[in-house]
Amino acid sequence: MDYAAKISQTVDELQQLEKQQTNVANRDYVRFIRLLKEKQA
């Protein structure tokens, strides 16, 4: 499955959202989505 095509946010938007998270679990979730978008996970 091509997750990068399914994720509508850009990598920059995901990085910004990741930095805004104060909850560790949420930050890790956003990081995982970003890595899927970058095709690193």
Protein backbone atom coordinates (compact mmCIF):
# COMPACT_ATOMS: atom_id res chain seq x y z
CA MET A 1 0.00 0.00 0.00
CA ASP A 2 1.31 3.46 -0.88
CA TYR A 3 0.88 5.29 2.43
CA ALA A 4 2.70 8.39 1.18
CA ALA A 5 -0.05 8.97 -1.38
CA LYS A 6 -2.81 8.37 1.18
CA ILE A 7 -1.45 10.88 3.73
CA SER A 8 -2.82 14.27 2.73
CA GLN A 9 -0.53 16.44 4.89
CA THR A 10 2.88 17.51 3.67
CA VAL A 11 6.06 16.49 5.47
CA ASP A 12 6.50 20.09 6.64
CA GLU A 13 2.98 20.16 8.12
CA LEU A 14 3.64 16.89 9.93
CA GLN A 15 6.94 18.18 11.32
CA GLN A 16 5.20 21.30 12.59
CA LEU A 17 2.46 19.23 14.22
CA GLU A 18 5.05 16.92 15.75
CA LYS A 19 6.83 19.88 17.38
CA GLN A 20 3.55 21.18 18.82
CA GLN A 21 2.70 17.95 20.64
CA THR A 22 3.26 17.91 24.39
CA ASN A 23 2.00 14.37 24.92
CA VAL A 24 4.73 11.84 24.11
CA ALA A 25 2.30 9.26 22.68
CA ASN A 26 0.77 11.82 20.32
CA ARG A 27 4.21 13.05 19.25
CA ASP A 28 5.30 9.48 18.49
CA TYR A 29 2.10 8.89 16.50
CA VAL A 30 2.68 12.01 14.37
CA ARG A 31 6.34 11.02 13.93
CA PHE A 32 5.27 7.59 12.66
CA ILE A 33 2.85 9.18 10.17
CA ARG A 34 5.66 11.50 9.01
CA LEU A 35 8.03 8.57 8.55
CA LEU A 36 5.39 6.76 6.50
CA LYS A 37 5.02 9.87 4.34
CA GLU A 38 8.80 10.01 3.86
CA LYS A 39 8.81 6.27 3.07
CA GLN A 40 11.21 5.56 5.92
CA ALA A 41 8.87 3.29 7.88
